[in-house]
Amino acid sequence: MPIETLRARAHLLMWLVTIPFVLLFAVLAMLVVAPIWTGRLSGPMLIFHLPMCMYVWAIWMVRQALKSIASGAAFGQVVPRLLLRIGSALFAGGLTSVFGVTLLTRLIYGRGAFASFDGAAITLGVVGATLVLLSHLLAQASAMREELDAFF
């Protein structure tokens, strides 16, 4: 695939990724602003939506990486950084969903569980940790490739 085709597709995907980002960000904003507006703001509601902030951040990082690729950044430099950021966001979101929400609720209200078994959050956490490991491997491979290219 020619590099121009890749850049054009990255530009298109950047705008397609913007749609779910804007929708999720709007929903998150409504979930926070509506209770403040009506005077029904509660701590558990804010704590419950904390992992969603990290997942929205992961989507934003995908958009930023696609924007970098569309503008001509080197693929080998963008992808390891993208995988590190997305992996970190997914891992943090999964960890927050399984342990953070319940522990913060327990800390504030003095009752509640120590962890919640949520298969989707655990899966996202494991995938996030795997992406972080893969990002390090790809960064090393990119560095090795640059070193080999220096010889030839």
Protein backbone atom coordinates (compact mmCIF):
# COMPACT_ATOMS: atom_id res chain seq x y z
CA MET A 1 0.00 0.00 0.00
CA PRO A 2 1.46 3.38 -0.97
CA ILE A 3 2.21 5.83 1.83
CA GLU A 4 -0.24 8.39 0.42
CA THR A 5 -3.08 5.85 0.62
CA LEU A 6 -2.14 5.09 4.22
CA ARG A 7 -2.16 8.80 5.08
CA ALA A 8 -5.52 9.32 3.38
CA ARG A 9 -7.03 6.39 5.27
CA ALA A 10 -5.55 7.63 8.53
CA HIS A 11 -7.13 11.03 7.90
CA LEU A 12 -10.53 9.42 7.25
CA LEU A 13 -10.22 7.18 10.32
CA MET A 14 -9.24 10.16 12.44
CA TRP A 15 -12.59 11.78 11.68
CA LEU A 16 -14.48 8.50 12.13
CA VAL A 17 -12.88 8.04 15.57
CA THR A 18 -13.89 11.59 16.45
CA ILE A 19 -17.58 10.63 16.31
CA PRO A 20 -17.57 8.11 19.20
CA PHE A 21 -15.18 10.36 21.13
CA VAL A 22 -17.55 13.34 20.89
CA LEU A 23 -20.58 11.19 21.73
CA LEU A 24 -18.94 9.59 24.78
CA PHE A 25 -17.54 12.92 25.95
CA ALA A 26 -21.01 14.50 25.63
CA VAL A 27 -22.60 11.66 27.58
CA LEU A 28 -19.94 11.92 30.27
CA ALA A 29 -20.43 15.68 30.47
CA MET A 30 -24.19 15.25 30.77
CA LEU A 31 -23.78 12.63 33.49
CA VAL A 32 -21.68 15.07 35.51
CA VAL A 33 -23.39 18.38 34.67
CA ALA A 34 -27.03 17.25 34.93
CA PRO A 35 -26.82 16.27 38.61
CA ILE A 36 -24.98 19.52 39.41
CA TRP A 37 -27.64 21.48 37.52
CA THR A 38 -30.53 19.77 39.34
CA GLY A 39 -28.79 19.76 42.71
CA ARG A 40 -28.70 15.97 42.94
CA LEU A 41 -24.95 15.51 42.77
CA SER A 42 -23.80 12.41 44.61
CA GLY A 43 -20.37 11.00 45.29
CA PRO A 44 -21.11 7.43 44.19
CA MET A 45 -22.37 8.65 40.83
CA LEU A 46 -19.12 10.54 40.16
CA ILE A 47 -17.01 7.61 41.37
CA PHE A 48 -18.98 5.18 39.21
CA HIS A 49 -18.17 7.12 36.02
CA LEU A 50 -14.45 7.53 36.75
CA PRO A 51 -13.35 4.59 34.51
CA MET A 52 -15.26 6.08 31.57
CA CYS A 53 -12.94 9.10 31.67
CA MET A 54 -9.96 6.82 31.07
CA TYR A 55 -11.68 5.00 28.21
CA VAL A 56 -12.53 8.34 26.55
CA TRP A 57 -8.87 9.32 26.96
CA ALA A 58 -7.87 6.10 25.13
CA ILE A 59 -10.12 7.04 22.21
CA TRP A 60 -8.59 10.51 22.13
CA MET A 61 -5.10 8.97 21.96
CA VAL A 62 -6.15 6.88 18.93
CA ARG A 63 -7.38 10.05 17.24
CA GLN A 64 -4.12 11.86 17.98
CA ALA A 65 -2.04 8.98 16.58
CA LEU A 66 -4.12 8.86 13.39
CA LYS A 67 -3.71 12.61 13.06
CA SER A 68 0.08 12.22 13.36
CA ILE A 69 0.14 9.48 10.72
CA ALA A 70 -2.09 11.54 8.40
CA SER A 71 0.24 14.53 8.75
CA GLY A 72 3.26 12.45 7.74
CA ALA A 73 4.81 11.23 10.99
CA ALA A 74 6.85 8.04 10.78
CA PHE A 75 4.73 4.97 11.41
CA GLY A 76 7.47 3.30 13.50
CA GLN A 77 7.59 6.27 15.87
CA VAL A 78 3.83 6.75 16.26
CA VAL A 79 2.67 3.18 16.84
CA PRO A 80 4.78 2.33 19.92
CA ARG A 81 3.75 5.59 21.58
CA LEU A 82 0.11 4.96 20.62
CA LEU A 83 0.14 1.44 22.05
CA LEU A 84 1.76 2.68 25.26
CA ARG A 85 -0.82 5.41 25.78
CA ILE A 86 -3.84 3.30 24.85
CA GLY A 87 -2.58 0.37 26.87
CA SER A 88 -2.02 2.58 29.90
CA ALA A 89 -5.49 4.11 29.60
CA LEU A 90 -7.20 0.73 29.19
CA PHE A 91 -5.21 -0.80 32.05
CA ALA A 92 -5.96 2.15 34.33
CA GLY A 93 -9.64 2.08 33.35
CA GLY A 94 -9.92 -1.64 34.01
CA LEU A 95 -8.07 -1.34 37.31
CA THR A 96 -10.24 1.58 38.36
CA SER A 97 -13.39 -0.27 37.38
CA VAL A 98 -12.47 -3.43 39.29
CA PHE A 99 -10.75 -1.98 42.36
CA GLY A 100 -10.89 1.83 42.35
CA VAL A 101 -14.65 2.35 42.30
CA THR A 102 -15.32 -0.14 45.08
CA LEU A 103 -12.40 0.97 47.24
CA LEU A 104 -13.26 4.67 46.89
CA THR A 105 -16.87 3.89 47.78
CA ARG A 106 -15.71 1.88 50.77
CA LEU A 107 -13.31 4.64 51.82
CA ILE A 108 -15.93 7.40 51.62
CA TYR A 109 -18.97 5.53 52.99
CA GLY A 110 -17.33 2.92 55.20
CA ARG A 111 -19.07 0.00 53.54
CA GLY A 112 -18.86 -1.85 50.30
CA ALA A 113 -16.80 -4.49 48.59
CA PHE A 114 -13.05 -4.57 48.04
CA ALA A 115 -13.36 -5.43 44.34
CA SER A 116 -16.04 -6.01 41.75
CA PHE A 117 -15.90 -8.89 39.32
CA ASP A 118 -16.54 -7.33 35.94
CA GLY A 119 -15.41 -9.54 33.08
CA ALA A 120 -15.33 -6.69 30.56
CA ALA A 121 -13.21 -4.46 32.80
CA ILE A 122 -10.81 -7.30 33.60
CA THR A 123 -10.48 -8.08 29.89
CA LEU A 124 -9.79 -4.42 29.07
CA GLY A 125 -7.17 -4.30 31.82
CA VAL A 126 -5.40 -7.39 30.51
CA VAL A 127 -5.52 -6.10 26.93
CA GLY A 128 -4.16 -2.75 28.14
CA ALA A 129 -1.26 -4.40 29.96
CA THR A 130 -0.51 -6.47 26.86
CA LEU A 131 -0.50 -3.35 24.67
CA VAL A 132 1.99 -1.69 27.03
CA LEU A 133 4.30 -4.70 26.70
CA LEU A 134 3.90 -4.73 22.92
CA SER A 135 4.69 -1.02 22.77
CA HIS A 136 8.04 -1.64 24.43
CA LEU A 137 8.80 -4.45 21.98
CA LEU A 138 7.87 -2.30 18.99
CA ALA A 139 9.99 0.59 20.30
CA GLN A 140 12.97 -1.75 20.60
CA ALA A 141 12.33 -3.13 17.10
CA SER A 142 12.12 0.39 15.70
CA ALA A 143 15.40 1.34 17.39
CA MET A 144 17.06 -1.80 15.98
CA ARG A 145 15.74 -1.03 12.51
CA GLU A 146 17.13 2.50 12.67
CA GLU A 147 20.49 1.09 13.76
CA LEU A 148 20.50 -1.40 10.90
CA ASP A 149 19.48 1.28 8.40
CA ALA A 150 22.49 3.31 9.51
CA PHE A 151 24.78 0.53 8.24
CA PHE A 152 23.26 0.39 4.77
